[in-house]
């Protein structure tokens, strides 16, 4: 008998199809069904906490509990229980390296506002057009403590894999992973979605075997590594699919919502 107390799901590519700006109404309904059944539910995303509510149509009940910024922010019932800032000396080392790397750059965030700290807007546009349109130029690193930052590079999948490996080898105090082509997440060394899940479970007083996590990409691997009941949607990257214990249908078909409805009803859908 599976006892589930916590459900966490990645957003992009897992419950939010490419090109969409909000999750489906069925996904919102499924989250509320799980909440009404007494489960704790929320996103586990590379997006910052301030960026997440609009994906749920502003329904904050869907994201009052969340792992945001790839694990650097952890909230339970809208209470912040953990926050990790990026070490500035490491970011300075990263900036110096990126300035010598053609097609690459760095964006930092002030809340939901992206700031272009290194690189060219046209290269960012080739990777993440929404951020390219919204970003403001910034002369070097911002003067406030940085919580969320991302490296981008106008390259293909193989180039991104190489970039991540290179950054992990060269830059002290930071870890990098690949959520999408041309784009990397940045975390303090040793911290990621998996560490954040552990933190949340410890705060709730539950075991990792009482958690179900959904994902589709490289930044979900750390989460899949620590949670026995890891679930990949169809169309996940080969690495994420191989790491997941369970497999379901497509993001575009609301497969995660179907699984949540089942879990809310006390059945096991995998």
Foldseek 3Di string as FASTA:
>chain_A
DFAAAEEEEEPDFWQADPPDFAGDPLLVVLLVLLVVLNHHYEYAYLAAPLRPCVNHVNPCSRHQAYQYNQNQWGHDNVHTPHHDFQDPVLVVVVQVVQQVPPQKFKWFDDRNQIETADDDLVSVCLPPVVNSVRYHYDPHDDPDTTRWMKMFGNDFQVVVVVVQVVSCVRGPQWHWKDFDTRMITIDGPPGGSLVNVVSVCVVVVHDLSNYAYEDAETSCLSNLVRRLRYEYEPPGDPVSVVSHPYYFYGSVVVGVSVQSNQVSVVHHDD
